[in-house]
N, C-alpha and C. Protein backbone atom coordinates (compact mmCIF):
# COMPACT_ATOMS: atom_id res chain seq x y z
N UNK A 1 -19.74 16.75 -8.08
CA UNK A 1 -19.46 17.00 -9.80
C UNK A 1 -18.22 16.12 -9.73
N UNK A 2 -18.13 15.06 -10.01
CA UNK A 2 -17.43 14.05 -10.25
C UNK A 2 -15.34 14.40 -11.34
N UNK A 3 -14.69 14.49 -10.81
CA UNK A 3 -13.14 14.59 -11.98
C UNK A 3 -12.77 12.96 -11.85
N UNK A 4 -12.05 12.84 -13.44
CA UNK A 4 -11.14 11.90 -13.79
C UNK A 4 -10.17 13.05 -14.16
N UNK A 5 -8.99 11.75 -13.84
CA UNK A 5 -7.37 13.09 -13.62
C UNK A 5 -6.65 11.13 -14.62
N UNK A 6 -6.26 11.13 -15.85
CA UNK A 6 -6.29 10.61 -16.77
C UNK A 6 -4.41 10.99 -17.47
N UNK A 7 -3.20 10.23 -17.30
CA UNK A 7 -1.39 10.68 -17.67
C UNK A 7 -1.97 10.01 -19.11
N UNK A 8 -1.74 10.09 -19.86
CA UNK A 8 -0.78 9.95 -21.08
C UNK A 8 0.92 9.98 -20.76
N UNK A 9 1.14 8.60 -21.30
CA UNK A 9 2.59 8.74 -21.50
C UNK A 9 3.66 9.08 -19.87
N UNK A 10 2.51 9.20 -18.48
CA UNK A 10 2.92 8.97 -17.35
C UNK A 10 2.62 8.38 -16.38
N UNK A 11 2.50 8.04 -15.15
CA UNK A 11 1.45 7.66 -14.60
C UNK A 11 1.19 8.33 -13.75
N UNK A 12 -0.84 8.11 -12.97
CA UNK A 12 -0.95 9.17 -12.18
C UNK A 12 -0.73 9.12 -10.96
N UNK A 13 -0.01 10.01 -10.40
CA UNK A 13 0.35 9.67 -8.89
C UNK A 13 -1.04 10.49 -7.64
N UNK A 14 -0.87 10.16 -6.56
CA UNK A 14 -1.62 10.62 -5.25
C UNK A 14 -1.13 12.09 -5.73
N UNK A 15 -0.45 12.79 -5.64
CA UNK A 15 0.16 14.15 -5.43
C UNK A 15 -0.52 14.50 -6.86
N UNK A 16 -0.45 13.52 -8.04
CA UNK A 16 -1.04 14.56 -9.46
C UNK A 16 -2.77 14.75 -9.37
N UNK A 17 -3.30 14.00 -8.89
CA UNK A 17 -4.34 13.25 -8.50
C UNK A 17 -4.36 14.41 -7.92
N UNK A 18 -4.39 15.13 -6.58
CA UNK A 18 -4.96 15.82 -5.31
C UNK A 18 -4.79 17.23 -6.16
N UNK A 19 -3.49 17.23 -7.09
CA UNK A 19 -3.17 18.50 -7.24
C UNK A 19 -3.70 19.01 -8.63
N UNK A 20 -4.85 18.15 -9.68
CA UNK A 20 -5.71 18.67 -10.28
C UNK A 20 -7.25 18.79 -9.48
N UNK A 21 -7.35 17.86 -8.82
CA UNK A 21 -8.37 17.68 -8.44
C UNK A 21 -8.54 19.46 -7.00
N UNK A 22 -7.35 19.76 -7.12
CA UNK A 22 -6.82 21.63 -6.05
C UNK A 22 -7.59 22.29 -6.53
N UNK A 23 -7.28 22.14 -8.40
CA UNK A 23 -7.67 23.10 -9.71
C UNK A 23 -8.94 23.20 -9.88
N UNK A 24 -8.44 21.64 -9.75
CA UNK A 24 -10.26 21.98 -10.66
C UNK A 24 -11.65 22.16 -9.26
N UNK A 25 -11.58 21.78 -8.44
CA UNK A 25 -12.66 22.21 -7.63
C UNK A 25 -12.41 23.90 -7.26
N UNK A 26 -12.00 24.64 -7.88
CA UNK A 26 -11.90 26.06 -7.82
C UNK A 26 -12.68 26.26 -8.91
N UNK A 27 -13.22 25.42 -10.13
CA UNK A 27 -13.91 26.03 -10.96
C UNK A 27 -15.73 26.55 -10.35
N UNK A 28 -16.01 25.48 -9.32
CA UNK A 28 -17.22 25.55 -8.99
C UNK A 28 -17.90 26.06 -7.72
N UNK A 29 -16.76 27.32 -7.89
CA UNK A 29 -17.04 28.41 -7.32
C UNK A 29 -18.13 30.19 -8.27
N UNK A 30 -17.61 29.34 -9.47
CA UNK A 30 -18.12 30.02 -10.68
C UNK A 30 -19.15 30.01 -11.23
N UNK A 31 -19.72 28.70 -11.27
CA UNK A 31 -20.43 28.02 -12.21
C UNK A 31 -20.75 26.05 -11.48
N UNK A 32 -21.33 25.81 -10.79
CA UNK A 32 -21.96 25.07 -10.08
C UNK A 32 -21.93 23.93 -10.54
N UNK A 33 -23.23 23.79 -11.77
CA UNK A 33 -23.45 23.16 -12.54
C UNK A 33 -22.55 22.42 -13.09
N UNK A 34 -21.79 21.47 -12.66
CA UNK A 34 -20.96 20.80 -13.45
C UNK A 34 -20.99 19.29 -13.26
N UNK A 35 -21.91 18.43 -14.11
CA UNK A 35 -21.71 17.38 -14.07
C UNK A 35 -20.16 16.63 -13.93
N UNK A 36 -19.78 16.69 -14.27
CA UNK A 36 -18.04 16.20 -14.50
C UNK A 36 -16.89 17.34 -15.64
N UNK A 37 -15.31 16.50 -14.73
CA UNK A 37 -14.63 17.42 -15.51
C UNK A 37 -13.30 16.12 -15.64
N UNK A 38 -12.95 16.12 -16.54
CA UNK A 38 -12.41 15.30 -17.51
C UNK A 38 -10.87 16.38 -16.93
N UNK A 39 -9.67 15.40 -16.94
CA UNK A 39 -8.11 15.74 -16.94
C UNK A 39 -7.56 14.51 -17.09
N UNK A 40 -7.20 15.78 -18.62
CA UNK A 40 -6.09 14.52 -19.36
C UNK A 40 -4.84 14.95 -19.38
N UNK A 41 -3.10 14.13 -18.74
CA UNK A 41 -2.15 14.95 -18.69
C UNK A 41 -1.26 14.45 -19.38
N UNK A 42 0.00 14.89 -20.59
CA UNK A 42 0.31 14.25 -20.78
C UNK A 42 2.15 15.26 -20.92
N UNK A 43 2.91 13.82 -21.26
CA UNK A 43 4.32 14.13 -21.24
C UNK A 43 4.62 14.79 -22.43
N UNK A 44 5.46 16.09 -23.02
CA UNK A 44 5.50 15.66 -23.99
C UNK A 44 7.30 15.89 -24.84
N UNK A 45 6.60 14.68 -24.94
CA UNK A 45 8.87 13.98 -25.45
C UNK A 45 9.78 13.99 -24.70
N UNK A 46 10.82 14.60 -25.19
CA UNK A 46 12.38 14.77 -25.25
C UNK A 46 12.52 16.09 -24.37
N UNK A 47 11.57 17.27 -24.43
CA UNK A 47 11.38 18.45 -24.52
C UNK A 47 11.12 18.28 -23.01
N UNK A 48 10.65 17.32 -22.48
CA UNK A 48 10.52 17.27 -21.01
C UNK A 48 8.97 18.53 -20.43
N UNK A 49 8.29 19.12 -21.91
CA UNK A 49 6.85 19.55 -21.16
C UNK A 49 5.81 18.50 -21.18
N UNK A 50 5.24 19.63 -20.42
CA UNK A 50 3.23 18.63 -20.16
C UNK A 50 2.59 19.31 -20.78
N UNK A 51 1.55 19.16 -21.07
CA UNK A 51 0.26 19.47 -22.19
C UNK A 51 -0.96 19.27 -20.92
N UNK A 52 -1.90 20.13 -20.36
CA UNK A 52 -3.29 19.41 -19.87
C UNK A 52 -4.31 19.31 -20.24
N UNK A 53 -5.15 18.55 -21.07
CA UNK A 53 -6.33 19.06 -21.13
C UNK A 53 -7.68 18.67 -20.63
N UNK A 54 -8.08 19.85 -20.24
CA UNK A 54 -9.37 19.62 -19.58
C UNK A 54 -10.59 19.86 -20.50
N UNK A 55 -11.74 19.02 -20.00
CA UNK A 55 -13.09 19.17 -20.46
C UNK A 55 -14.72 18.79 -19.59
N UNK A 56 -15.31 20.43 -19.06
CA UNK A 56 -15.76 20.45 -18.45
C UNK A 56 -17.10 19.85 -18.59
N UNK A 57 -18.20 19.03 -18.56
CA UNK A 57 -19.38 18.37 -18.89
C UNK A 57 -20.02 19.08 -18.22
N UNK A 58 -21.49 20.68 -18.51
CA UNK A 58 -21.70 20.65 -17.73
C UNK A 58 -22.89 19.54 -17.61
N UNK A 59 -24.74 20.23 -16.37
CA UNK A 59 -25.30 19.98 -16.56
C UNK A 59 -26.43 20.02 -17.96
N UNK A 60 -26.18 20.60 -18.63
CA UNK A 60 -27.11 20.69 -19.33
C UNK A 60 -26.05 21.25 -20.31
N UNK A 61 -25.89 21.02 -21.40
CA UNK A 61 -25.06 22.06 -22.62
C UNK A 61 -24.28 21.57 -23.29
N UNK A 62 -23.54 21.83 -24.34
CA UNK A 62 -22.05 21.30 -24.92
C UNK A 62 -21.28 21.13 -23.78
N UNK A 63 -19.83 20.67 -23.99
CA UNK A 63 -18.96 20.01 -23.38
C UNK A 63 -17.83 21.58 -23.26
N UNK A 64 -17.10 21.59 -22.73
CA UNK A 64 -16.39 23.24 -22.79
C UNK A 64 -14.28 22.02 -22.73
N UNK A 65 -13.70 22.71 -23.54
CA UNK A 65 -12.16 23.06 -23.62
C UNK A 65 -10.88 23.58 -23.31
N UNK A 66 -10.34 23.22 -22.90
CA UNK A 66 -9.35 24.43 -22.19
C UNK A 66 -8.21 23.30 -22.78
N UNK A 67 -6.99 23.61 -23.00
CA UNK A 67 -5.41 22.94 -23.36
C UNK A 67 -4.61 24.13 -23.29
N UNK A 68 -3.50 23.84 -22.54
CA UNK A 68 -2.33 24.41 -22.15
C UNK A 68 -1.01 23.66 -21.80
N UNK A 69 0.16 23.94 -22.54
CA UNK A 69 1.44 23.17 -22.85
C UNK A 69 2.54 24.59 -21.72
N UNK A 70 3.10 23.99 -20.95
CA UNK A 70 4.36 24.35 -20.06
C UNK A 70 5.20 22.99 -19.27
N UNK A 71 6.14 24.22 -19.40
CA UNK A 71 7.85 23.26 -18.81
C UNK A 71 7.31 22.68 -17.56
N UNK A 72 6.41 22.46 -17.16
CA UNK A 72 5.64 22.80 -15.30
C UNK A 72 4.72 21.78 -15.77
N UNK A 73 4.79 20.78 -14.77
CA UNK A 73 3.02 20.17 -14.35
C UNK A 73 2.48 20.89 -14.11
N UNK A 74 2.88 21.63 -13.61
CA UNK A 74 1.74 22.63 -12.15
C UNK A 74 1.17 23.95 -13.14
N UNK A 75 2.42 24.68 -13.57
CA UNK A 75 2.05 25.88 -14.54
C UNK A 75 1.09 25.29 -15.40
N UNK A 76 1.18 24.69 -16.26
CA UNK A 76 0.57 23.71 -16.80
C UNK A 76 -1.24 23.88 -16.51
N UNK A 77 -1.63 23.33 -15.34
CA UNK A 77 -2.77 23.24 -14.68
C UNK A 77 -3.66 23.76 -14.42
N UNK A 78 -2.97 25.38 -14.11
CA UNK A 78 -2.96 25.82 -13.98
C UNK A 78 -3.85 26.61 -14.99
N UNK A 79 -2.33 27.04 -16.22
CA UNK A 79 -3.18 28.34 -17.08
C UNK A 79 -4.27 27.19 -17.84
N UNK A 80 -4.55 25.54 -17.45
CA UNK A 80 -5.82 24.98 -18.08
C UNK A 80 -6.87 25.52 -17.22
N UNK A 81 -6.92 25.65 -15.86
CA UNK A 81 -7.43 25.89 -14.95
C UNK A 81 -8.13 27.36 -15.47
N UNK A 82 -7.34 28.92 -15.44
CA UNK A 82 -7.66 29.30 -15.96
C UNK A 82 -8.46 29.89 -17.55
N UNK A 83 -7.64 29.14 -18.25
CA UNK A 83 -8.69 28.87 -19.45
C UNK A 83 -10.03 28.84 -18.92
N UNK A 84 -10.50 28.39 -18.57
CA UNK A 84 -11.58 27.10 -18.35
C UNK A 84 -12.08 27.58 -17.28
N UNK A 85 -11.71 28.28 -15.76
CA UNK A 85 -12.74 29.21 -15.62
C UNK A 85 -12.85 30.44 -16.60
N UNK A 86 -12.47 31.45 -17.41
CA UNK A 86 -12.76 32.34 -18.43
C UNK A 86 -13.75 32.04 -19.08
N UNK A 87 -13.91 30.56 -19.37
CA UNK A 87 -14.89 29.56 -20.32
C UNK A 87 -16.36 29.81 -19.61
N UNK A 88 -16.21 29.18 -18.14
CA UNK A 88 -17.33 29.51 -17.81
C UNK A 88 -17.92 30.58 -17.24
N UNK A 89 -17.36 31.36 -16.62
CA UNK A 89 -17.45 32.71 -16.45
C UNK A 89 -18.27 33.74 -17.46
N UNK A 90 -18.63 32.82 -18.61
CA UNK A 90 -18.90 33.86 -19.64
C UNK A 90 -20.45 32.75 -19.87
N UNK A 91 -20.54 31.24 -19.63
CA UNK A 91 -20.89 30.56 -19.66
C UNK A 91 -22.38 31.14 -18.53
N UNK A 92 -22.00 31.71 -17.60
CA UNK A 92 -22.79 31.77 -16.59
C UNK A 92 -23.57 33.02 -17.32
N UNK A 93 -22.33 33.81 -17.67
CA UNK A 93 -23.25 35.67 -18.21
C UNK A 93 -24.13 35.04 -18.76
N UNK A 94 -23.99 34.60 -19.65
CA UNK A 94 -25.48 34.05 -20.95
C UNK A 94 -25.94 33.36 -20.59
N UNK A 95 -26.03 32.68 -19.18
CA UNK A 95 -27.60 32.36 -19.16
C UNK A 95 -28.18 33.18 -18.60
N UNK A 96 -27.79 33.67 -17.26
CA UNK A 96 -28.21 34.95 -16.70
C UNK A 96 -28.07 35.80 -17.97
N UNK A 97 -27.85 36.60 -18.29
CA UNK A 97 -28.54 37.30 -19.57
C UNK A 97 -29.92 37.20 -20.34
N UNK A 98 -29.34 35.92 -20.57
CA UNK A 98 -31.02 34.83 -21.28
C UNK A 98 -32.16 34.86 -20.67
N UNK A 99 -31.75 34.53 -19.22
CA UNK A 99 -32.57 35.26 -18.39
C UNK A 99 -33.63 36.32 -17.91
N UNK A 100 -32.53 37.17 -17.94
CA UNK A 100 -33.06 38.93 -17.84
C UNK A 100 -33.37 39.34 -18.56
N UNK A 101 -33.54 38.85 -20.03
CA UNK A 101 -34.37 39.73 -21.53
C UNK A 101 -35.65 39.36 -21.63
N UNK A 102 -36.18 40.45 -21.54
CA UNK A 102 -37.87 39.80 -22.44
C UNK A 102 -38.14 39.62 -23.10
N UNK A 103 -39.36 38.40 -23.61
CA UNK A 103 -39.84 38.33 -24.29
C UNK A 103 -40.34 38.81 -25.40
N UNK A 104 -40.24 38.16 -26.84
CA UNK A 104 -39.71 39.37 -28.31
C UNK A 104 -41.84 39.46 -27.87
N UNK A 105 -42.50 39.26 -27.87
CA UNK A 105 -43.88 38.44 -27.91
C UNK A 105 -44.31 39.75 -26.38
N UNK A 106 -44.04 40.39 -25.82
CA UNK A 106 -44.61 40.90 -24.27
C UNK A 106 -44.13 42.12 -24.96
N UNK A 107 -42.67 42.19 -25.55
CA UNK A 107 -41.92 43.82 -25.76
C UNK A 107 -43.00 44.32 -26.74
N UNK A 108 -44.00 43.29 -27.73
CA UNK A 108 -44.71 44.35 -28.99
C UNK A 108 -46.15 44.70 -28.30
N UNK A 109 -46.10 43.79 -27.21
CA UNK A 109 -47.67 44.22 -26.59
C UNK A 109 -47.88 45.41 -25.89
N UNK A 110 -46.29 45.92 -25.95
CA UNK A 110 -45.96 47.44 -24.74
C UNK A 110 -45.80 48.53 -24.81
């Protein structure tokens, strides 16, 4: 999985990159087929709060997006990762449930 960290209105330091990679790396425990994840960190003006947007691109299907805005950078990353984690769990459940279902033609002949 390729992880891209981008900063808007703030520089991307090594600490920020390591923190984002650590948080995003946890997403693979629920969904292994992620091609890449983009993390966009933004500092919101004078309020001093941070917003994080996370875009996960599975190997197949549409990208998943999660956004979070918090007072601290680590809290915003944690919240966005939690939202993305829930989306990936739901996606995996839908994919496994679809495999378990029997085809409609097979049910009619039985």
